[in-house]
């Protein structure tokens, strides 16, 4: 089967392919899910261990040791922020700040480390911008006031936390999956329409032109062209 034969089949059933694409595209648009708006409040901060005065230590570099300890703390704190314990402490802080009706879970809080600058970032995902702002403020206060409970090995002083950016809530746009949902459905409908066209052509036993007759082993002497209609 030559390339022009494939084109001929697609052209013959173009209406079927187009109808399937239009139906799927319009139906996907009408019945598409309408997710609730999501907001995110992000904050960047540093956390580390203060180096003791050089006059109080001997046998090691206190600055280097403090820097290495800070590296370990940052790695551990990413997991602590995503824990149930941290979420419970944020809820307790929200109640202390006068917002006991807001309850977060560990799925609403995420953290990461910026490898280039060794800064930590924490983000709060919530369905309300104002509440997301309150949750972020509570999380920052919890970081500053209660971080000693997460690192008992550091003693009562805990780690040193410095907030770089104030938390600001903003609306989260549609995810890449949501953006590509309808185009992917339309593409699948197009491929399905083409496949259906070839299946119908395979099942069609009618003779439409000289090529179909020659395909049956018949010798074509002449062909009457199709009359043009206006």
C-alpha atoms as a PDB file:
ATOM      1  CA  UNK A   1       0.000   0.000   0.000  1.00  0.00           C
ATOM      2  CA  UNK A   2       1.545   3.286  -1.112  1.00  0.00           C
ATOM      3  CA  UNK A   3       1.545   6.550   0.761  1.00  0.00           C
ATOM      4  CA  UNK A   4      -1.130   8.046  -1.498  1.00  0.00           C
ATOM      5  CA  UNK A   5      -3.384   5.111  -0.629  1.00  0.00           C
ATOM      6  CA  UNK A   6      -3.120   6.010   3.063  1.00  0.00           C
ATOM      7  CA  UNK A   7      -3.941   9.624   2.228  1.00  0.00           C
ATOM      8  CA  UNK A   8      -6.885   8.486   0.136  1.00  0.00           C
ATOM      9  CA  UNK A   9      -8.315   6.463   3.029  1.00  0.00           C
ATOM     10  CA  UNK A  10      -7.955   9.371   5.461  1.00  0.00           C
ATOM     11  CA  UNK A  11      -9.507  11.767   2.969  1.00  0.00           C
ATOM     12  CA  UNK A  12     -12.430   9.432   2.339  1.00  0.00           C
ATOM     13  CA  UNK A  13     -13.311   9.269   6.032  1.00  0.00           C
ATOM     14  CA  UNK A  14     -12.225  12.772   7.029  1.00  0.00           C
ATOM     15  CA  UNK A  15     -15.725  13.558   8.291  1.00  0.00           C
ATOM     16  CA  UNK A  16     -15.609  10.643  10.707  1.00  0.00           C
ATOM     17  CA  UNK A  17     -12.198  11.653  12.052  1.00  0.00           C
ATOM     18  CA  UNK A  18     -13.231  15.292  12.413  1.00  0.00           C
ATOM     19  CA  UNK A  19     -16.515  14.379  14.126  1.00  0.00           C
ATOM     20  CA  UNK A  20     -14.742  12.189  16.664  1.00  0.00           C
ATOM     21  CA  UNK A  21     -12.175  14.909  17.440  1.00  0.00           C
ATOM     22  CA  UNK A  22     -14.867  17.584  17.812  1.00  0.00           C
ATOM     23  CA  UNK A  23     -17.076  15.414  20.049  1.00  0.00           C
ATOM     24  CA  UNK A  24     -14.186  14.471  22.333  1.00  0.00           C
ATOM     25  CA  UNK A  25     -12.812  18.017  22.435  1.00  0.00           C
ATOM     26  CA  UNK A  26     -16.159  19.674  23.191  1.00  0.00           C
ATOM     27  CA  UNK A  27     -17.164  16.974  25.676  1.00  0.00           C
ATOM     28  CA  UNK A  28     -13.836  17.204  27.518  1.00  0.00           C
ATOM     29  CA  UNK A  29     -14.187  20.991  27.733  1.00  0.00           C
ATOM     30  CA  UNK A  30     -17.782  20.912  28.998  1.00  0.00           C
ATOM     31  CA  UNK A  31     -17.282  18.110  31.532  1.00  0.00           C
ATOM     32  CA  UNK A  32     -13.755  19.060  32.604  1.00  0.00           C
ATOM     33  CA  UNK A  33     -13.109  19.062  36.335  1.00  0.00           C
ATOM     34  CA  UNK A  34     -13.080  22.424  38.051  1.00  0.00           C
ATOM     35  CA  UNK A  35     -10.499  22.090  40.849  1.00  0.00           C
ATOM     36  CA  UNK A  36     -10.754  24.408  43.806  1.00  0.00           C
ATOM     37  CA  UNK A  37      -8.222  27.253  43.749  1.00  0.00           C
ATOM     38  CA  UNK A  38      -5.017  26.543  45.635  1.00  0.00           C
ATOM     39  CA  UNK A  39      -2.721  29.067  47.273  1.00  0.00           C
ATOM     40  CA  UNK A  40       0.848  28.766  48.383  1.00  0.00           C
ATOM     41  CA  UNK A  41       2.805  30.792  50.918  1.00  0.00           C
ATOM     42  CA  UNK A  42       6.559  30.397  50.736  1.00  0.00           C
ATOM     43  CA  UNK A  43       9.329  31.503  53.067  1.00  0.00           C
ATOM     44  CA  UNK A  44      13.115  31.160  52.927  1.00  0.00           C
ATOM     45  CA  UNK A  45      15.294  30.887  56.000  1.00  0.00           C
ATOM     46  CA  UNK A  46      18.653  29.699  57.272  1.00  0.00           C
ATOM     47  CA  UNK A  47      19.235  27.335  60.171  1.00  0.00           C
ATOM     48  CA  UNK A  48      22.503  26.459  61.793  1.00  0.00           C
ATOM     49  CA  UNK A  49      24.596  26.099  64.905  1.00  0.00           C
ATOM     50  CA  UNK A  50      26.490  29.007  66.382  1.00  0.00           C
ATOM     51  CA  UNK A  51      30.192  28.366  66.729  1.00  0.00           C
ATOM     52  CA  UNK A  52      31.641  28.613  70.243  1.00  0.00           C
ATOM     53  CA  UNK A  53      34.408  31.147  70.850  1.00  0.00           C
ATOM     54  CA  UNK A  54      37.793  29.916  69.725  1.00  0.00           C
ATOM     55  CA  UNK A  55      39.167  30.506  73.235  1.00  0.00           C
ATOM     56  CA  UNK A  56      36.800  27.871  74.656  1.00  0.00           C
ATOM     57  CA  UNK A  57      37.821  24.987  72.368  1.00  0.00           C
ATOM     58  CA  UNK A  58      41.021  23.262  71.420  1.00  0.00           C
ATOM     59  CA  UNK A  59      42.010  20.587  68.970  1.00  0.00           C
ATOM     60  CA  UNK A  60      39.522  21.505  66.218  1.00  0.00           C
ATOM     61  CA  UNK A  61      38.300  24.435  64.179  1.00  0.00           C
ATOM     62  CA  UNK A  62      35.036  25.611  65.791  1.00  0.00           C
ATOM     63  CA  UNK A  63      33.865  27.456  62.665  1.00  0.00           C
ATOM     64  CA  UNK A  64      34.373  24.428  60.402  1.00  0.00           C
ATOM     65  CA  UNK A  65      32.736  22.104  62.911  1.00  0.00           C
ATOM     66  CA  UNK A  66      29.777  24.468  63.275  1.00  0.00           C
ATOM     67  CA  UNK A  67      29.398  24.658  59.480  1.00  0.00           C
ATOM     68  CA  UNK A  68      29.411  20.859  59.174  1.00  0.00           C
ATOM     69  CA  UNK A  69      26.868  20.514  61.983  1.00  0.00           C
ATOM     70  CA  UNK A  70      24.651  23.066  60.237  1.00  0.00           C
ATOM     71  CA  UNK A  71      24.763  20.927  57.074  1.00  0.00           C
ATOM     72  CA  UNK A  72      23.466  17.900  58.981  1.00  0.00           C
ATOM     73  CA  UNK A  73      20.754  19.982  60.669  1.00  0.00           C
ATOM     74  CA  UNK A  74      19.471  21.306  57.347  1.00  0.00           C
ATOM     75  CA  UNK A  75      19.239  17.813  55.884  1.00  0.00           C
ATOM     76  CA  UNK A  76      17.352  16.526  58.923  1.00  0.00           C
ATOM     77  CA  UNK A  77      15.098  19.547  59.209  1.00  0.00           C
ATOM     78  CA  UNK A  78      13.635  18.977  55.739  1.00  0.00           C
ATOM     79  CA  UNK A  79      12.112  15.749  57.020  1.00  0.00           C
ATOM     80  CA  UNK A  80      11.095  17.292  60.343  1.00  0.00           C
ATOM     81  CA  UNK A  81       9.093  20.039  58.603  1.00  0.00           C
ATOM     82  CA  UNK A  82       7.180  17.391  56.653  1.00  0.00           C
ATOM     83  CA  UNK A  83       6.322  15.392  59.807  1.00  0.00           C
ATOM     84  CA  UNK A  84       3.140  15.082  61.849  1.00  0.00           C
ATOM     85  CA  UNK A  85       4.949  16.511  64.866  1.00  0.00           C
ATOM     86  CA  UNK A  86       5.765  19.762  63.092  1.00  0.00           C
ATOM     87  CA  UNK A  87       2.190  20.054  61.756  1.00  0.00           C
ATOM     88  CA  UNK A  88       0.816  19.578  65.283  1.00  0.00           C
ATOM     89  CA  UNK A  89       3.139  22.301  66.576  1.00  0.00           C
ATOM     90  CA  UNK A  90       1.977  24.654  63.814  1.00  0.00           C
ATOM     91  CA  UNK A  91      -1.653  23.948  64.791  1.00  0.00           C
ATOM     92  CA  UNK A  92      -0.802  24.736  68.408  1.00  0.00           C
ATOM     93  CA  UNK A  93       0.833  27.975  67.311  1.00  0.00           C
ATOM     94  CA  UNK A  94      -2.228  28.860  65.215  1.00  0.00           C
ATOM     95  CA  UNK A  95      -4.424  28.392  68.290  1.00  0.00           C
ATOM     96  CA  UNK A  96      -2.083  30.635  70.295  1.00  0.00           C
ATOM     97  CA  UNK A  97      -2.315  33.273  67.539  1.00  0.00           C
ATOM     98  CA  UNK A  98      -6.118  33.225  67.649  1.00  0.00           C
ATOM     99  CA  UNK A  99      -6.886  30.945  64.689  1.00  0.00           C
ATOM    100  CA  UNK A 100      -7.842  27.579  66.260  1.00  0.00           C
ATOM    101  CA  UNK A 101     -10.272  26.837  63.418  1.00  0.00           C
ATOM    102  CA  UNK A 102      -7.370  26.273  60.998  1.00  0.00           C
ATOM    103  CA  UNK A 103      -5.993  22.748  61.110  1.00  0.00           C
ATOM    104  CA  UNK A 104      -3.137  21.688  58.851  1.00  0.00           C
ATOM    105  CA  UNK A 105      -1.607  18.311  58.167  1.00  0.00           C
ATOM    106  CA  UNK A 106       1.855  17.330  57.051  1.00  0.00           C
ATOM    107  CA  UNK A 107       0.624  17.148  53.453  1.00  0.00           C
ATOM    108  CA  UNK A 108       0.092  20.920  53.458  1.00  0.00           C
ATOM    109  CA  UNK A 109       3.713  21.693  54.369  1.00  0.00           C
ATOM    110  CA  UNK A 110       6.771  20.979  52.247  1.00  0.00           C
ATOM    111  CA  UNK A 111      10.428  21.961  52.487  1.00  0.00           C
ATOM    112  CA  UNK A 112      13.515  21.945  50.311  1.00  0.00           C
ATOM    113  CA  UNK A 113      17.149  23.042  50.372  1.00  0.00           C
ATOM    114  CA  UNK A 114      18.565  25.412  47.767  1.00  0.00           C
ATOM    115  CA  UNK A 115      21.838  23.691  46.993  1.00  0.00           C
ATOM    116  CA  UNK A 116      23.397  26.771  45.400  1.00  0.00           C
ATOM    117  CA  UNK A 117      22.939  29.038  48.436  1.00  0.00           C
ATOM    118  CA  UNK A 118      22.423  26.497  51.226  1.00  0.00           C
ATOM    119  CA  UNK A 119      19.151  28.210  52.125  1.00  0.00           C
ATOM    120  CA  UNK A 120      16.043  26.353  53.181  1.00  0.00           C
ATOM    121  CA  UNK A 121      12.616  27.039  51.754  1.00  0.00           C
ATOM    122  CA  UNK A 122       9.257  26.077  53.201  1.00  0.00           C
ATOM    123  CA  UNK A 123       5.927  26.287  51.394  1.00  0.00           C
ATOM    124  CA  UNK A 124       2.353  26.044  52.665  1.00  0.00           C
ATOM    125  CA  UNK A 125      -0.386  24.867  50.286  1.00  0.00           C
ATOM    126  CA  UNK A 126      -3.931  25.846  51.270  1.00  0.00           C
ATOM    127  CA  UNK A 127      -7.316  26.622  49.717  1.00  0.00           C
ATOM    128  CA  UNK A 128      -7.576  30.148  51.164  1.00  0.00           C
ATOM    129  CA  UNK A 129      -4.998  32.911  50.664  1.00  0.00           C
ATOM    130  CA  UNK A 130      -5.540  34.635  54.008  1.00  0.00           C
ATOM    131  CA  UNK A 131      -5.398  31.364  55.926  1.00  0.00           C
ATOM    132  CA  UNK A 132      -2.303  30.284  54.014  1.00  0.00           C
ATOM    133  CA  UNK A 133      -0.664  33.518  55.178  1.00  0.00           C
ATOM    134  CA  UNK A 134      -1.604  32.766  58.804  1.00  0.00           C
ATOM    135  CA  UNK A 135      -0.300  29.208  58.570  1.00  0.00           C
ATOM    136  CA  UNK A 136       3.000  30.438  57.161  1.00  0.00           C
ATOM    137  CA  UNK A 137       3.341  33.004  59.946  1.00  0.00           C
ATOM    138  CA  UNK A 138       2.632  30.319  62.541  1.00  0.00           C
ATOM    139  CA  UNK A 139       5.162  27.976  60.947  1.00  0.00           C
ATOM    140  CA  UNK A 140       7.824  30.700  61.031  1.00  0.00           C
ATOM    141  CA  UNK A 141       7.127  31.399  64.719  1.00  0.00           C
ATOM    142  CA  UNK A 142       7.304  27.696  65.452  1.00  0.00           C
ATOM    143  CA  UNK A 143      10.652  27.499  63.682  1.00  0.00           C
ATOM    144  CA  UNK A 144      12.047  30.324  65.746  1.00  0.00           C
ATOM    145  CA  UNK A 145      10.611  29.431  69.162  1.00  0.00           C
ATOM    146  CA  UNK A 146      10.342  25.633  69.264  1.00  0.00           C
ATOM    147  CA  UNK A 147      13.162  24.271  67.118  1.00  0.00           C
ATOM    148  CA  UNK A 148      15.080  23.145  70.237  1.00  0.00           C
ATOM    149  CA  UNK A 149      12.580  20.286  70.785  1.00  0.00           C
ATOM    150  CA  UNK A 150      13.551  18.741  67.445  1.00  0.00           C
ATOM    151  CA  UNK A 151      17.276  18.726  68.228  1.00  0.00           C
ATOM    152  CA  UNK A 152      17.716  17.634  71.815  1.00  0.00           C
ATOM    153  CA  UNK A 153      21.426  17.081  71.197  1.00  0.00           C
ATOM    154  CA  UNK A 154      21.885  20.851  70.849  1.00  0.00           C
ATOM    155  CA  UNK A 155      20.634  21.564  74.349  1.00  0.00           C
ATOM    156  CA  UNK A 156      18.094  24.144  75.418  1.00  0.00           C
ATOM    157  CA  UNK A 157      19.325  26.808  73.008  1.00  0.00           C
ATOM    158  CA  UNK A 158      18.489  24.797  69.915  1.00  0.00           C
ATOM    159  CA  UNK A 159      19.495  25.969  66.482  1.00  0.00           C
ATOM    160  CA  UNK A 160      19.730  29.496  65.157  1.00  0.00           C
ATOM    161  CA  UNK A 161      16.958  30.353  62.653  1.00  0.00           C
ATOM    162  CA  UNK A 162      17.004  33.502  60.505  1.00  0.00           C
ATOM    163  CA  UNK A 163      14.095  34.272  58.164  1.00  0.00           C
ATOM    164  CA  UNK A 164      15.263  35.673  54.808  1.00  0.00           C
ATOM    165  CA  UNK A 165      11.910  36.436  53.157  1.00  0.00           C
ATOM    166  CA  UNK A 166       8.561  37.166  54.728  1.00  0.00           C
ATOM    167  CA  UNK A 167       5.874  34.636  53.725  1.00  0.00           C
ATOM    168  CA  UNK A 168       3.614  35.889  50.947  1.00  0.00           C
ATOM    169  CA  UNK A 169       0.585  33.925  49.694  1.00  0.00           C
ATOM    170  CA  UNK A 170      -0.055  33.613  45.951  1.00  0.00           C
ATOM    171  CA  UNK A 171      -2.382  31.539  43.820  1.00  0.00           C
ATOM    172  CA  UNK A 172      -0.982  28.347  42.321  1.00  0.00           C
ATOM    173  CA  UNK A 173      -1.621  27.926  38.601  1.00  0.00           C
ATOM    174  CA  UNK A 174      -2.908  24.789  36.921  1.00  0.00           C
ATOM    175  CA  UNK A 175      -0.493  21.895  36.901  1.00  0.00           C
ATOM    176  CA  UNK A 176       1.087  20.627  33.689  1.00  0.00           C
ATOM    177  CA  UNK A 177      -1.137  17.547  33.824  1.00  0.00           C
ATOM    178  CA  UNK A 178      -4.269  19.702  33.985  1.00  0.00           C
ATOM    179  CA  UNK A 179      -3.045  21.895  31.113  1.00  0.00           C
ATOM    180  CA  UNK A 180      -2.340  18.898  28.866  1.00  0.00           C
ATOM    181  CA  UNK A 181      -5.449  16.893  29.756  1.00  0.00           C
ATOM    182  CA  UNK A 182      -7.727  18.141  26.931  1.00  0.00           C
ATOM    183  CA  UNK A 183      -4.969  18.267  24.221  1.00  0.00           C
ATOM    184  CA  UNK A 184      -4.022  14.671  25.022  1.00  0.00           C
ATOM    185  CA  UNK A 185      -7.657  13.572  24.819  1.00  0.00           C
ATOM    186  CA  UNK A 186      -8.034  15.307  21.419  1.00  0.00           C
ATOM    187  CA  UNK A 187      -4.832  13.687  20.152  1.00  0.00           C
ATOM    188  CA  UNK A 188      -6.033  10.244  21.244  1.00  0.00           C
ATOM    189  CA  UNK A 189      -9.370  10.911  19.523  1.00  0.00           C
ATOM    190  CA  UNK A 190      -7.518  11.863  16.317  1.00  0.00           C
ATOM    191  CA  UNK A 191      -5.474   8.662  16.370  1.00  0.00           C
ATOM    192  CA  UNK A 192      -8.566   6.608  17.177  1.00  0.00           C
ATOM    193  CA  UNK A 193     -10.440   8.251  14.279  1.00  0.00           C
ATOM    194  CA  UNK A 194      -7.632   7.444  11.842  1.00  0.00           C
ATOM    195  CA  UNK A 195      -7.494   3.848  13.090  1.00  0.00           C
ATOM    196  CA  UNK A 196     -11.288   3.561  12.708  1.00  0.00           C
ATOM    197  CA  UNK A 197     -11.062   4.935   9.177  1.00  0.00           C
ATOM    198  CA  UNK A 198      -8.569   2.261   8.151  1.00  0.00           C
ATOM    199  CA  UNK A 199     -10.666  -0.442   9.790  1.00  0.00           C
ATOM    200  CA  UNK A 200     -13.767   0.678   7.878  1.00  0.00           C
ATOM    201  CA  UNK A 201     -11.764   0.805   4.656  1.00  0.00           C
ATOM    202  CA  UNK A 202     -10.527  -2.743   5.306  1.00  0.00           C
ATOM    203  CA  UNK A 203     -14.093  -3.992   5.858  1.00  0.00           C
ATOM    204  CA  UNK A 204     -15.487  -2.093   2.860  1.00  0.00           C
ATOM    205  CA  UNK A 205     -15.904  -4.481  -0.108  1.00  0.00           C
ATOM    206  CA  UNK A 206     -17.346  -1.951  -2.541  1.00  0.00           C
ATOM    207  CA  UNK A 207     -15.470  -0.936  -5.708  1.00  0.00           C
ATOM    208  CA  UNK A 208     -15.134   2.814  -5.865  1.00  0.00           C
ATOM    209  CA  UNK A 209     -12.572   3.401  -8.597  1.00  0.00           C
ATOM    210  CA  UNK A 210     -10.185   1.727 -11.038  1.00  0.00           C
ATOM    211  CA  UNK A 211      -7.601   1.110  -8.317  1.00  0.00           C
ATOM    212  CA  UNK A 212     -10.107  -0.959  -6.326  1.00  0.00           C
ATOM    213  CA  UNK A 213     -10.981  -2.983  -9.431  1.00  0.00           C
ATOM    214  CA  UNK A 214      -7.340  -3.617 -10.248  1.00  0.00           C
ATOM    215  CA  UNK A 215      -6.832  -4.694  -6.637  1.00  0.00           C
ATOM    216  CA  UNK A 216      -9.357  -7.502  -7.305  1.00  0.00           C
ATOM    217  CA  UNK A 217      -7.325  -8.706 -10.285  1.00  0.00           C
ATOM    218  CA  UNK A 218      -9.631  -7.216 -12.916  1.00  0.00           C
ATOM    219  CA  UNK A 219      -8.388  -5.519 -16.045  1.00  0.00           C
ATOM    220  CA  UNK A 220      -9.726  -1.981 -16.380  1.00  0.00           C
ATOM    221  CA  UNK A 221     -10.451  -0.886 -19.961  1.00  0.00           C
ATOM    222  CA  UNK A 222     -11.951   2.515 -19.177  1.00  0.00           C
ATOM    223  CA  UNK A 223     -13.290   4.632 -16.356  1.00  0.00           C
ATOM    224  CA  UNK A 224     -16.157   7.111 -16.335  1.00  0.00           C
ATOM    225  CA  UNK A 225     -15.124  10.110 -14.227  1.00  0.00           C
ATOM    226  CA  UNK A 226     -17.374  11.208 -11.418  1.00  0.00           C
ATOM    227  CA  UNK A 227     -19.699  14.003 -12.417  1.00  0.00           C
ATOM    228  CA  UNK A 228     -18.943  17.326 -10.774  1.00  0.00           C
ATOM    229  CA  UNK A 229     -21.809  18.914  -8.885  1.00  0.00           C
ATOM    230  CA  UNK A 230     -22.158  22.544  -7.907  1.00  0.00           C
END
